[in-house]
Amino acid sequence: MILEALGLLSLGFIVGLSGATIPGPLFAFTVYDVTKKGKITGHLVMLGHVIWESIIILIILLGFGWIVLQGRTVIYILGGPVLILMGLGMISSRDKGIRLERSRTNSSLLGGIFYTAFNPTQPLWWATVGLALLLKGLEVMSLLGVVLVTVGHWLSDFAYYVFVSIMIHRHRKTVIPHQPLISRLLGGFLTVLGGYFLVDALARLLA
């Protein structure tokens, strides 16, 4: 039983890490958040991420996984423009440095929730890879298995994003002077990503 538990925990960790290392809105926000505030915030961002994913997992376990999949187009339509607007805002930022006094009003936790909720890849991931992961855990060790693969998945998220935060913070003397450029690059990434998802959603509606 111990080996099965460790196996499920490892499975969740590896599958989660394969998704966490793919750059997306949450990664862009984390980098931006750390450079702007000048402190490690990855753990807070991930806490927000976990809060939102807990809701998604609960929906799936209650038998409403079809809502996650069928709501994909809606998320694309809502998430696409949101990412575009946020990206353009980062590109057009006039900040010459990091304003810590302003950063106090910005919540890393809420940012984690927001950029997870409006990540257009989220419904598809949970309706495919995420669902398969939960079912495997359920098959091997019932609800305990679901908990184990989920915890493994979240551990990988925390490990990777805290690592990213630490690396950025540790080299802040090199990173911070280039914060405006970093903001614009990340903003451009979000804008392009948002445009892609919006075009994809419109194509689905017109098909």
N, C-alpha and C. Protein backbone atom coordinates (compact mmCIF):
# COMPACT_ATOMS: atom_id res chain seq x y z
N MET A 1 0.83 -1.21 0.00
CA MET A 1 0.00 0.00 0.00
C MET A 1 0.87 1.26 0.00
N ILE A 2 1.98 1.18 0.73
CA ILE A 2 2.89 2.34 0.78
C ILE A 2 3.48 2.60 -0.60
N LEU A 3 3.86 1.52 -1.29
CA LEU A 3 4.43 1.67 -2.63
C LEU A 3 3.40 2.23 -3.61
N GLU A 4 2.16 1.79 -3.46
CA GLU A 4 1.10 2.30 -4.33
C GLU A 4 0.88 3.79 -4.07
N ALA A 5 0.91 4.16 -2.80
CA ALA A 5 0.72 5.56 -2.43
C ALA A 5 1.84 6.43 -2.98
N LEU A 6 3.08 5.95 -2.83
CA LEU A 6 4.23 6.70 -3.36
C LEU A 6 4.18 6.77 -4.88
N GLY A 7 3.68 5.69 -5.50
CA GLY A 7 3.57 5.67 -6.95
C GLY A 7 2.58 6.71 -7.45
N LEU A 8 1.43 6.81 -6.79
CA LEU A 8 0.42 7.79 -7.19
C LEU A 8 0.90 9.21 -6.93
N LEU A 9 1.59 9.40 -5.81
CA LEU A 9 2.13 10.72 -5.48
C LEU A 9 3.15 11.14 -6.54
N SER A 10 4.01 10.19 -6.93
CA SER A 10 5.02 10.47 -7.95
C SER A 10 4.38 10.72 -9.31
N LEU A 11 3.34 9.96 -9.61
CA LEU A 11 2.64 10.13 -10.88
C LEU A 11 2.05 11.53 -10.97
N GLY A 12 1.39 11.96 -9.89
CA GLY A 12 0.82 13.30 -9.87
C GLY A 12 1.87 14.37 -10.00
N PHE A 13 3.02 14.15 -9.36
CA PHE A 13 4.11 15.12 -9.40
C PHE A 13 4.68 15.25 -10.81
N ILE A 14 4.95 14.12 -11.45
CA ILE A 14 5.57 14.13 -12.78
C ILE A 14 4.61 14.72 -13.82
N VAL A 15 3.35 14.29 -13.78
CA VAL A 15 2.36 14.82 -14.73
C VAL A 15 2.16 16.32 -14.49
N GLY A 16 2.09 16.70 -13.23
CA GLY A 16 1.91 18.11 -12.90
C GLY A 16 3.09 18.95 -13.34
N LEU A 17 4.29 18.42 -13.16
CA LEU A 17 5.50 19.16 -13.54
C LEU A 17 5.58 19.35 -15.05
N SER A 18 5.12 18.37 -15.80
CA SER A 18 5.15 18.48 -17.25
C SER A 18 4.24 19.61 -17.73
N GLY A 19 3.19 19.89 -16.95
CA GLY A 19 2.31 20.99 -17.30
C GLY A 19 2.80 22.31 -16.75
N ALA A 20 3.38 22.27 -15.54
CA ALA A 20 3.82 23.50 -14.88
C ALA A 20 4.96 24.18 -15.63
N THR A 21 5.81 23.39 -16.27
CA THR A 21 6.98 23.96 -16.94
C THR A 21 6.66 24.56 -18.31
N ILE A 22 5.42 24.39 -18.78
CA ILE A 22 5.02 25.01 -20.04
C ILE A 22 4.65 26.47 -19.77
N PRO A 23 5.33 27.43 -20.40
CA PRO A 23 5.03 28.86 -20.14
C PRO A 23 3.58 29.18 -20.49
N GLY A 24 2.96 29.96 -19.65
CA GLY A 24 1.58 30.37 -19.86
C GLY A 24 1.29 31.64 -19.08
N PRO A 25 0.02 32.05 -18.99
CA PRO A 25 -0.35 33.28 -18.28
C PRO A 25 0.10 33.30 -16.83
N LEU A 26 -0.01 32.15 -16.15
CA LEU A 26 0.36 32.09 -14.74
C LEU A 26 1.86 32.29 -14.56
N PHE A 27 2.64 31.71 -15.46
CA PHE A 27 4.10 31.88 -15.41
C PHE A 27 4.46 33.35 -15.66
N ALA A 28 3.83 33.95 -16.66
CA ALA A 28 4.10 35.35 -16.98
C ALA A 28 3.75 36.25 -15.79
N PHE A 29 2.62 35.97 -15.15
CA PHE A 29 2.22 36.78 -14.00
C PHE A 29 3.19 36.61 -12.84
N THR A 30 3.65 35.39 -12.61
CA THR A 30 4.57 35.13 -11.51
C THR A 30 5.87 35.90 -11.69
N VAL A 31 6.43 35.85 -12.89
CA VAL A 31 7.66 36.58 -13.18
C VAL A 31 7.44 38.08 -12.99
N TYR A 32 6.34 38.57 -13.51
CA TYR A 32 6.01 40.00 -13.39
C TYR A 32 5.82 40.39 -11.93
N ASP A 33 5.13 39.55 -11.18
CA ASP A 33 4.82 39.84 -9.78
C ASP A 33 6.09 39.91 -8.94
N VAL A 34 6.99 38.96 -9.16
CA VAL A 34 8.23 38.94 -8.37
C VAL A 34 9.12 40.13 -8.71
N THR A 35 9.25 40.45 -10.00
CA THR A 35 10.10 41.58 -10.38
C THR A 35 9.52 42.90 -9.92
N LYS A 36 8.21 42.99 -9.88
CA LYS A 36 7.56 44.24 -9.48
C LYS A 36 7.65 44.47 -7.97
N LYS A 37 7.47 43.40 -7.21
CA LYS A 37 7.44 43.53 -5.76
C LYS A 37 8.80 43.35 -5.11
N GLY A 38 9.73 42.74 -5.84
CA GLY A 38 11.06 42.56 -5.30
C GLY A 38 11.12 41.57 -4.16
N LYS A 39 10.22 40.60 -4.17
CA LYS A 39 10.24 39.57 -3.13
C LYS A 39 9.65 38.28 -3.70
N ILE A 40 9.87 37.17 -2.99
CA ILE A 40 9.38 35.87 -3.44
C ILE A 40 7.88 35.78 -3.22
N THR A 41 7.13 35.57 -4.30
CA THR A 41 5.67 35.50 -4.20
C THR A 41 5.09 34.23 -4.84
N GLY A 42 5.97 33.37 -5.35
CA GLY A 42 5.50 32.18 -6.04
C GLY A 42 4.58 31.31 -5.20
N HIS A 43 4.85 31.21 -3.89
CA HIS A 43 4.02 30.37 -3.03
C HIS A 43 2.61 30.93 -2.89
N LEU A 44 2.49 32.26 -2.88
CA LEU A 44 1.18 32.89 -2.78
C LEU A 44 0.40 32.76 -4.08
N VAL A 45 1.11 32.90 -5.19
CA VAL A 45 0.48 32.72 -6.50
C VAL A 45 -0.06 31.30 -6.62
N MET A 46 0.74 30.33 -6.17
CA MET A 46 0.35 28.93 -6.25
C MET A 46 -0.81 28.60 -5.31
N LEU A 47 -0.87 29.29 -4.18
CA LEU A 47 -2.00 29.08 -3.27
C LEU A 47 -3.30 29.47 -3.95
N GLY A 48 -3.27 30.59 -4.67
CA GLY A 48 -4.44 31.00 -5.44
C GLY A 48 -4.76 29.99 -6.53
N HIS A 49 -3.73 29.47 -7.16
CA HIS A 49 -3.88 28.45 -8.20
C HIS A 49 -4.56 27.21 -7.63
N VAL A 50 -4.14 26.79 -6.45
CA VAL A 50 -4.70 25.61 -5.80
C VAL A 50 -6.16 25.83 -5.42
N ILE A 51 -6.48 27.02 -4.95
CA ILE A 51 -7.87 27.33 -4.58
C ILE A 51 -8.80 27.15 -5.78
N TRP A 52 -8.39 27.68 -6.93
CA TRP A 52 -9.24 27.55 -8.11
C TRP A 52 -9.31 26.11 -8.60
N GLU A 53 -8.17 25.42 -8.61
CA GLU A 53 -8.18 24.03 -9.06
C GLU A 53 -8.98 23.14 -8.14
N SER A 54 -9.05 23.48 -6.86
CA SER A 54 -9.87 22.70 -5.92
C SER A 54 -11.34 22.74 -6.34
N ILE A 55 -11.77 23.89 -6.83
CA ILE A 55 -13.15 24.03 -7.31
C ILE A 55 -13.37 23.15 -8.54
N ILE A 56 -12.40 23.18 -9.46
CA ILE A 56 -12.50 22.36 -10.67
C ILE A 56 -12.54 20.87 -10.33
N ILE A 57 -11.68 20.45 -9.43
CA ILE A 57 -11.63 19.04 -9.03
C ILE A 57 -12.94 18.62 -8.38
N LEU A 58 -13.50 19.48 -7.54
CA LEU A 58 -14.77 19.18 -6.88
C LEU A 58 -15.88 19.01 -7.91
N ILE A 59 -15.89 19.88 -8.92
CA ILE A 59 -16.89 19.78 -9.98
C ILE A 59 -16.78 18.43 -10.70
N ILE A 60 -15.53 18.02 -11.00
CA ILE A 60 -15.30 16.75 -11.70
C ILE A 60 -15.73 15.57 -10.83
N LEU A 61 -15.36 15.58 -9.54
CA LEU A 61 -15.69 14.47 -8.65
C LEU A 61 -17.20 14.34 -8.42
N LEU A 62 -17.91 15.45 -8.54
CA LEU A 62 -19.36 15.42 -8.37
C LEU A 62 -20.08 14.97 -9.65
N GLY A 63 -19.29 14.66 -10.67
CA GLY A 63 -19.87 14.14 -11.90
C GLY A 63 -20.24 15.19 -12.93
N PHE A 64 -19.70 16.40 -12.76
CA PHE A 64 -20.02 17.47 -13.69
C PHE A 64 -18.82 17.86 -14.55
N GLY A 65 -17.99 16.88 -14.86
CA GLY A 65 -16.81 17.15 -15.67
C GLY A 65 -17.15 17.69 -17.05
N TRP A 66 -18.35 17.34 -17.54
CA TRP A 66 -18.77 17.82 -18.87
C TRP A 66 -18.90 19.35 -18.89
N ILE A 67 -19.17 19.94 -17.73
CA ILE A 67 -19.26 21.40 -17.65
C ILE A 67 -17.90 22.02 -17.95
N VAL A 68 -16.86 21.38 -17.42
CA VAL A 68 -15.50 21.88 -17.64
C VAL A 68 -15.14 21.83 -19.12
N LEU A 69 -15.50 20.71 -19.77
CA LEU A 69 -15.15 20.55 -21.18
C LEU A 69 -16.00 21.45 -22.07
N GLN A 70 -17.31 21.47 -21.85
CA GLN A 70 -18.20 22.25 -22.70
C GLN A 70 -18.07 23.75 -22.46
N GLY A 71 -17.52 24.09 -21.29
CA GLY A 71 -17.32 25.51 -21.01
C GLY A 71 -16.03 26.05 -21.59
N ARG A 72 -15.32 25.20 -22.35
CA ARG A 72 -14.02 25.60 -22.89
C ARG A 72 -14.15 26.80 -23.83
N THR A 73 -15.14 26.78 -24.72
CA THR A 73 -15.30 27.89 -25.67
C THR A 73 -15.61 29.19 -24.94
N VAL A 74 -16.42 29.10 -23.89
CA VAL A 74 -16.74 30.29 -23.10
C VAL A 74 -15.49 30.86 -22.45
N ILE A 75 -14.65 29.96 -21.89
CA ILE A 75 -13.40 30.39 -21.28
C ILE A 75 -12.49 31.02 -22.31
N TYR A 76 -12.48 30.44 -23.51
CA TYR A 76 -11.66 31.00 -24.59
C TYR A 76 -12.12 32.41 -24.93
N ILE A 77 -13.43 32.59 -25.03
CA ILE A 77 -13.99 33.89 -25.40
C ILE A 77 -13.73 34.93 -24.32
N LEU A 78 -13.87 34.52 -23.05
CA LEU A 78 -13.64 35.44 -21.94
C LEU A 78 -12.15 35.63 -21.68
N GLY A 79 -11.43 34.52 -21.67
CA GLY A 79 -10.01 34.57 -21.33
C GLY A 79 -9.16 35.24 -22.38
N GLY A 80 -9.48 35.04 -23.66
CA GLY A 80 -8.70 35.65 -24.73
C GLY A 80 -8.59 37.16 -24.61
N PRO A 81 -9.74 37.87 -24.58
CA PRO A 81 -9.69 39.34 -24.44
C PRO A 81 -9.04 39.80 -23.14
N VAL A 82 -9.27 39.04 -22.06
CA VAL A 82 -8.68 39.42 -20.77
C VAL A 82 -7.16 39.39 -20.87
N LEU A 83 -6.63 38.31 -21.46
CA LEU A 83 -5.19 38.20 -21.61
C LEU A 83 -4.64 39.30 -22.52
N ILE A 84 -5.38 39.63 -23.57
CA ILE A 84 -4.96 40.70 -24.48
C ILE A 84 -4.89 42.03 -23.75
N LEU A 85 -5.93 42.34 -22.98
CA LEU A 85 -5.97 43.60 -22.24
C LEU A 85 -4.86 43.68 -21.20
N MET A 86 -4.65 42.59 -20.48
CA MET A 86 -3.60 42.58 -19.47
C MET A 86 -2.23 42.69 -20.12
N GLY A 87 -2.06 42.02 -21.25
CA GLY A 87 -0.79 42.08 -21.97
C GLY A 87 -0.50 43.48 -22.48
N LEU A 88 -1.51 44.12 -23.07
CA LEU A 88 -1.34 45.48 -23.57
C LEU A 88 -1.05 46.45 -22.43
N GLY A 89 -1.67 46.18 -21.28
CA GLY A 89 -1.41 47.03 -20.11
C GLY A 89 0.03 46.92 -19.65
N MET A 90 0.58 45.71 -19.69
CA MET A 90 1.98 45.51 -19.31
C MET A 90 2.93 46.14 -20.32
N ILE A 91 2.55 46.06 -21.62
CA ILE A 91 3.39 46.64 -22.67
C ILE A 91 3.44 48.17 -22.56
N SER A 92 2.29 48.77 -22.29
CA SER A 92 2.19 50.23 -22.26
C SER A 92 2.57 50.84 -20.93
N SER A 93 2.99 50.00 -19.97
CA SER A 93 3.36 50.50 -18.65
C SER A 93 4.47 51.53 -18.75
N ARG A 94 4.30 52.63 -18.02
CA ARG A 94 5.29 53.71 -18.04
C ARG A 94 6.26 53.62 -16.87
N ASP A 95 6.12 52.57 -16.07
CA ASP A 95 6.97 52.45 -14.88
C ASP A 95 8.44 52.40 -15.26
N LYS A 96 9.25 53.16 -14.56
CA LYS A 96 10.70 53.14 -14.77
C LYS A 96 11.39 52.22 -13.78
N GLY A 97 10.65 51.70 -12.85
CA GLY A 97 11.20 50.81 -11.85
C GLY A 97 10.08 50.13 -11.10
N ILE A 98 10.40 49.53 -10.00
CA ILE A 98 9.40 48.81 -9.23
C ILE A 98 8.83 49.70 -8.14
N ARG A 99 7.54 49.88 -8.15
CA ARG A 99 6.89 50.72 -7.16
C ARG A 99 6.33 49.85 -6.05
N LEU A 100 7.07 49.73 -4.99
CA LEU A 100 6.63 48.86 -3.91
C LEU A 100 5.37 49.38 -3.24
N GLU A 101 5.22 50.70 -3.20
CA GLU A 101 4.04 51.24 -2.54
C GLU A 101 2.78 50.86 -3.29
N ARG A 102 2.87 50.73 -4.62
CA ARG A 102 1.71 50.34 -5.39
C ARG A 102 1.48 48.84 -5.30
N SER A 103 2.56 48.10 -5.16
CA SER A 103 2.45 46.64 -5.16
C SER A 103 1.71 46.13 -3.93
N ARG A 104 1.61 46.93 -2.89
CA ARG A 104 0.91 46.48 -1.68
C ARG A 104 -0.57 46.25 -1.96
N THR A 105 -1.11 46.95 -2.95
CA THR A 105 -2.53 46.82 -3.24
C THR A 105 -2.80 45.66 -4.20
N ASN A 106 -1.73 45.06 -4.74
CA ASN A 106 -1.89 43.96 -5.69
C ASN A 106 -1.69 42.63 -4.96
N SER A 107 -2.66 41.77 -5.08
CA SER A 107 -2.61 40.50 -4.37
C SER A 107 -2.04 39.40 -5.24
N SER A 108 -0.96 38.78 -4.77
CA SER A 108 -0.39 37.64 -5.47
C SER A 108 -1.36 36.46 -5.44
N LEU A 109 -2.07 36.31 -4.32
CA LEU A 109 -3.05 35.23 -4.16
C LEU A 109 -4.18 35.37 -5.17
N LEU A 110 -4.75 36.57 -5.26
CA LEU A 110 -5.84 36.79 -6.21
C LEU A 110 -5.34 36.67 -7.65
N GLY A 111 -4.09 37.07 -7.87
CA GLY A 111 -3.50 36.93 -9.19
C GLY A 111 -3.41 35.46 -9.58
N GLY A 112 -3.05 34.60 -8.61
CA GLY A 112 -2.98 33.17 -8.87
C GLY A 112 -4.34 32.60 -9.24
N ILE A 113 -5.38 33.07 -8.56
CA ILE A 113 -6.74 32.63 -8.87
C ILE A 113 -7.16 33.13 -10.25
N PHE A 114 -6.92 34.41 -10.48
CA PHE A 114 -7.35 35.07 -11.72
C PHE A 114 -6.70 34.45 -12.94
N TYR A 115 -5.37 34.31 -12.91
CA TYR A 115 -4.67 33.81 -14.09
C TYR A 115 -4.82 32.31 -14.28
N THR A 116 -5.31 31.61 -13.26
CA THR A 116 -5.67 30.21 -13.43
C THR A 116 -7.07 30.12 -14.03
N ALA A 117 -7.98 30.91 -13.50
CA ALA A 117 -9.37 30.90 -13.97
C ALA A 117 -9.48 31.33 -15.42
N PHE A 118 -8.68 32.33 -15.82
CA PHE A 118 -8.76 32.84 -17.18
C PHE A 118 -7.66 32.29 -18.09
N ASN A 119 -7.13 31.15 -17.71
CA ASN A 119 -6.18 30.46 -18.57
C ASN A 119 -6.98 29.56 -19.51
N PRO A 120 -7.05 29.87 -20.78
CA PRO A 120 -7.89 29.10 -21.71
C PRO A 120 -7.50 27.64 -21.85
N THR A 121 -6.30 27.26 -21.43
CA THR A 121 -5.90 25.85 -21.53
C THR A 121 -6.39 25.02 -20.35
N GLN A 122 -6.85 25.68 -19.31
CA GLN A 122 -7.23 25.00 -18.07
C GLN A 122 -8.37 23.99 -18.25
N PRO A 123 -9.49 24.37 -18.88
CA PRO A 123 -10.58 23.39 -19.03
C PRO A 123 -10.17 22.16 -19.83
N LEU A 124 -9.42 22.37 -20.92
CA LEU A 124 -9.00 21.24 -21.76
C LEU A 124 -8.07 20.31 -20.99
N TRP A 125 -7.16 20.87 -20.19
CA TRP A 125 -6.22 20.05 -19.44
C TRP A 125 -6.95 19.18 -18.44
N TRP A 126 -7.90 19.77 -17.71
CA TRP A 126 -8.60 19.01 -16.69
C TRP A 126 -9.60 18.02 -17.28
N ALA A 127 -10.11 18.34 -18.47
CA ALA A 127 -11.05 17.43 -19.12
C ALA A 127 -10.34 16.25 -19.77
N THR A 128 -9.03 16.32 -19.90
CA THR A 128 -8.26 15.24 -20.54
C THR A 128 -7.24 14.66 -19.57
N VAL A 129 -6.08 15.31 -19.48
CA VAL A 129 -4.99 14.82 -18.63
C VAL A 129 -5.40 14.78 -17.16
N GLY A 130 -6.00 15.88 -16.68
CA GLY A 130 -6.39 15.96 -15.28
C GLY A 130 -7.41 14.91 -14.90
N LEU A 131 -8.40 14.70 -15.76
CA LEU A 131 -9.43 13.70 -15.50
C LEU A 131 -8.84 12.30 -15.47
N ALA A 132 -7.94 12.01 -16.42
CA ALA A 132 -7.29 10.70 -16.45
C ALA A 132 -6.48 10.47 -15.19
N LEU A 133 -5.84 11.52 -14.70
CA LEU A 133 -5.04 11.42 -13.48
C LEU A 133 -5.92 11.11 -12.28
N LEU A 134 -7.04 11.79 -12.17
CA LEU A 134 -7.97 11.56 -11.06
C LEU A 134 -8.56 10.15 -11.12
N LEU A 135 -8.91 9.70 -12.32
CA LEU A 135 -9.49 8.37 -12.48
C LEU A 135 -8.49 7.28 -12.12
N LYS A 136 -7.21 7.50 -12.44
CA LYS A 136 -6.17 6.53 -12.09
C LYS A 136 -6.04 6.42 -10.58
N GLY A 137 -6.06 7.56 -9.91
CA GLY A 137 -5.98 7.55 -8.46
C GLY A 137 -7.18 6.86 -7.85
N LEU A 138 -8.36 7.10 -8.42
CA LEU A 138 -9.60 6.48 -7.92
C LEU A 138 -9.56 4.97 -8.13
N GLU A 139 -9.02 4.56 -9.26
CA GLU A 139 -8.94 3.13 -9.59
C GLU A 139 -8.01 2.38 -8.65
N VAL A 140 -6.89 2.99 -8.29
CA VAL A 140 -5.88 2.31 -7.49
C VAL A 140 -6.19 2.33 -6.00
N MET A 141 -6.56 3.50 -5.49
CA MET A 141 -6.76 3.61 -4.03
C MET A 141 -8.01 4.43 -3.65
N SER A 142 -9.01 4.38 -4.50
CA SER A 142 -10.27 5.06 -4.22
C SER A 142 -10.04 6.57 -3.98
N LEU A 143 -10.76 7.15 -3.04
CA LEU A 143 -10.65 8.60 -2.81
C LEU A 143 -9.26 9.00 -2.30
N LEU A 144 -8.61 8.08 -1.57
CA LEU A 144 -7.25 8.36 -1.10
C LEU A 144 -6.32 8.52 -2.30
N GLY A 145 -6.55 7.72 -3.33
CA GLY A 145 -5.74 7.83 -4.54
C GLY A 145 -5.93 9.16 -5.23
N VAL A 146 -7.17 9.65 -5.24
CA VAL A 146 -7.47 10.97 -5.82
C VAL A 146 -6.72 12.05 -5.06
N VAL A 147 -6.72 11.93 -3.74
CA VAL A 147 -6.02 12.91 -2.90
C VAL A 147 -4.52 12.87 -3.19
N LEU A 148 -3.98 11.67 -3.32
CA LEU A 148 -2.53 11.52 -3.52
C LEU A 148 -2.07 12.10 -4.86
N VAL A 149 -2.78 11.80 -5.94
CA VAL A 149 -2.35 12.34 -7.24
C VAL A 149 -2.55 13.86 -7.29
N THR A 150 -3.57 14.33 -6.59
CA THR A 150 -3.82 15.78 -6.55
C THR A 150 -2.72 16.49 -5.77
N VAL A 151 -2.37 15.92 -4.62
CA VAL A 151 -1.29 16.50 -3.80
C VAL A 151 0.02 16.48 -4.57
N GLY A 152 0.29 15.37 -5.27
CA GLY A 152 1.50 15.28 -6.08
C GLY A 152 1.53 16.36 -7.16
N HIS A 153 0.40 16.56 -7.78
CA HIS A 153 0.27 17.59 -8.82
C HIS A 153 0.54 18.97 -8.25
N TRP A 154 -0.03 19.26 -7.10
CA TRP A 154 0.16 20.58 -6.48
C TRP A 154 1.58 20.78 -5.97
N LEU A 155 2.20 19.70 -5.48
CA LEU A 155 3.59 19.80 -5.02
C LEU A 155 4.51 20.20 -6.17
N SER A 156 4.24 19.67 -7.35
CA SER A 156 5.06 20.03 -8.52
C SER A 156 4.86 21.49 -8.88
N ASP A 157 3.63 21.96 -8.80
CA ASP A 157 3.34 23.38 -9.08
C ASP A 157 4.09 24.28 -8.11
N PHE A 158 3.97 23.96 -6.82
CA PHE A 158 4.65 24.77 -5.80
C PHE A 158 6.16 24.73 -5.99
N ALA A 159 6.70 23.52 -6.21
CA ALA A 159 8.15 23.37 -6.35
C ALA A 159 8.67 24.20 -7.51
N TYR A 160 8.02 24.13 -8.66
CA TYR A 160 8.50 24.83 -9.84
C TYR A 160 8.36 26.34 -9.72
N TYR A 161 7.19 26.80 -9.28
CA TYR A 161 6.96 28.25 -9.24
C TYR A 161 7.70 28.93 -8.09
N VAL A 162 7.89 28.23 -6.99
CA VAL A 162 8.71 28.79 -5.92
C VAL A 162 10.17 28.86 -6.38
N PHE A 163 10.61 27.83 -7.10
CA PHE A 163 11.96 27.84 -7.66
C PHE A 163 12.15 29.03 -8.61
N VAL A 164 11.18 29.25 -9.48
CA VAL A 164 11.24 30.40 -10.41
C VAL A 164 11.32 31.70 -9.63
N SER A 165 10.48 31.83 -8.58
CA SER A 165 10.47 33.04 -7.76
C SER A 165 11.82 33.27 -7.09
N ILE A 166 12.39 32.21 -6.55
CA ILE A 166 13.68 32.32 -5.85
C ILE A 166 14.79 32.73 -6.81
N MET A 167 14.79 32.13 -8.00
CA MET A 167 15.82 32.45 -8.99
C MET A 167 15.73 33.92 -9.42
N ILE A 168 14.52 34.38 -9.64
CA ILE A 168 14.34 35.78 -10.05
C ILE A 168 14.72 36.72 -8.92
N HIS A 169 14.30 36.37 -7.70
CA HIS A 169 14.59 37.22 -6.55
C HIS A 169 16.09 37.23 -6.24
N ARG A 170 16.73 36.08 -6.34
CA ARG A 170 18.15 35.96 -6.03
C ARG A 170 18.99 36.80 -7.00
N HIS A 171 18.54 36.88 -8.22
CA HIS A 171 19.28 37.65 -9.23
C HIS A 171 18.59 38.97 -9.52
N ARG A 172 17.90 39.50 -8.49
CA ARG A 172 17.12 40.72 -8.69
C ARG A 172 17.97 41.92 -9.10
N LYS A 173 19.24 41.96 -8.67
CA LYS A 173 20.08 43.09 -9.04
C LYS A 173 20.31 43.14 -10.54
N THR A 174 20.24 41.97 -11.15
CA THR A 174 20.37 41.90 -12.61
C THR A 174 19.02 42.07 -13.28
N VAL A 175 17.98 41.51 -12.65
CA VAL A 175 16.65 41.49 -13.26
C VAL A 175 15.92 42.82 -13.13
N ILE A 176 15.94 43.42 -11.92
CA ILE A 176 15.14 44.60 -11.64
C ILE A 176 15.42 45.77 -12.59
N PRO A 177 16.70 46.08 -12.92
CA PRO A 177 16.93 47.19 -13.84
C PRO A 177 16.27 46.99 -15.20
N HIS A 178 16.00 45.73 -15.54
CA HIS A 178 15.38 45.42 -16.83
C HIS A 178 13.89 45.13 -16.69
N GLN A 179 13.33 45.50 -15.52
CA GLN A 179 11.93 45.20 -15.27
C GLN A 179 10.98 45.76 -16.32
N PRO A 180 11.16 47.00 -16.80
CA PRO A 180 10.26 47.50 -17.85
C PRO A 180 10.31 46.64 -19.12
N LEU A 181 11.52 46.21 -19.50
CA LEU A 181 11.66 45.37 -20.69
C LEU A 181 11.01 44.01 -20.46
N ILE A 182 11.21 43.45 -19.26
CA ILE A 182 10.61 42.16 -18.93
C ILE A 182 9.10 42.27 -18.98
N SER A 183 8.56 43.37 -18.45
CA SER A 183 7.11 43.58 -18.45
C SER A 183 6.58 43.61 -19.88
N ARG A 184 7.30 44.30 -20.76
CA ARG A 184 6.84 44.41 -22.14
C ARG A 184 6.92 43.07 -22.87
N LEU A 185 7.98 42.32 -22.62
CA LEU A 185 8.11 41.01 -23.26
C LEU A 185 7.00 40.06 -22.79
N LEU A 186 6.76 40.05 -21.48
CA LEU A 186 5.70 39.20 -20.94
C LEU A 186 4.34 39.67 -21.41
N GLY A 187 4.18 41.00 -21.51
CA GLY A 187 2.94 41.56 -22.02
C GLY A 187 2.69 41.15 -23.46
N GLY A 188 3.76 41.16 -24.25
CA GLY A 188 3.64 40.73 -25.64
C GLY A 188 3.24 39.27 -25.73
N PHE A 189 3.82 38.45 -24.86
CA PHE A 189 3.50 37.03 -24.82
C PHE A 189 2.02 36.82 -24.49
N LEU A 190 1.52 37.53 -23.48
CA LEU A 190 0.12 37.39 -23.09
C LEU A 190 -0.81 37.87 -24.19
N THR A 191 -0.43 38.95 -24.87
CA THR A 191 -1.26 39.50 -25.95
C THR A 191 -1.39 38.51 -27.09
N VAL A 192 -0.26 37.94 -27.51
CA VAL A 192 -0.28 36.95 -28.59
C VAL A 192 -1.08 35.72 -28.19
N LEU A 193 -0.87 35.25 -26.95
CA LEU A 193 -1.58 34.07 -26.46
C LEU A 193 -3.08 34.34 -26.41
N GLY A 194 -3.45 35.51 -25.90
CA GLY A 194 -4.87 35.87 -25.84
C GLY A 194 -5.49 35.95 -27.21
N GLY A 195 -4.75 36.52 -28.18
CA GLY A 195 -5.25 36.61 -29.56
C GLY A 195 -5.47 35.24 -30.17
N TYR A 196 -4.55 34.33 -29.89
CA TYR A 196 -4.66 32.97 -30.41
C TYR A 196 -5.92 32.29 -29.89
N PHE A 197 -6.17 32.39 -28.59
CA PHE A 197 -7.34 31.74 -28.01
C PHE A 197 -8.64 32.39 -28.47
N LEU A 198 -8.62 33.71 -28.66
CA LEU A 198 -9.82 34.39 -29.12
C LEU A 198 -10.16 33.97 -30.55
N VAL A 199 -9.16 33.91 -31.42
CA VAL A 199 -9.37 33.48 -32.80
C VAL A 199 -9.88 32.04 -32.83
N ASP A 200 -9.31 31.19 -31.98
CA ASP A 200 -9.73 29.79 -31.91
C ASP A 200 -11.18 29.68 -31.48
N ALA A 201 -11.59 30.50 -30.50
CA ALA A 201 -12.98 30.47 -30.03
C ALA A 201 -13.94 30.93 -31.11
N LEU A 202 -13.58 31.99 -31.83
CA LEU A 202 -14.45 32.50 -32.89
C LEU A 202 -14.57 31.47 -34.02
N ALA A 203 -13.47 30.78 -34.31
CA ALA A 203 -13.50 29.73 -35.35
C ALA A 203 -14.45 28.62 -34.95
N ARG A 204 -14.47 28.28 -33.65
CA ARG A 204 -15.35 27.22 -33.18
C ARG A 204 -16.82 27.64 -33.31
N LEU A 205 -17.10 28.91 -33.01
CA LEU A 205 -18.45 29.41 -33.07
C LEU A 205 -18.97 29.49 -34.50
N LEU A 206 -18.08 29.81 -35.43
CA LEU A 206 -18.47 29.99 -36.83
C LEU A 206 -18.45 28.68 -37.61
N ALA A 207 -17.84 27.64 -37.01
CA ALA A 207 -17.72 26.35 -37.72
C ALA A 207 -19.09 25.67 -37.86
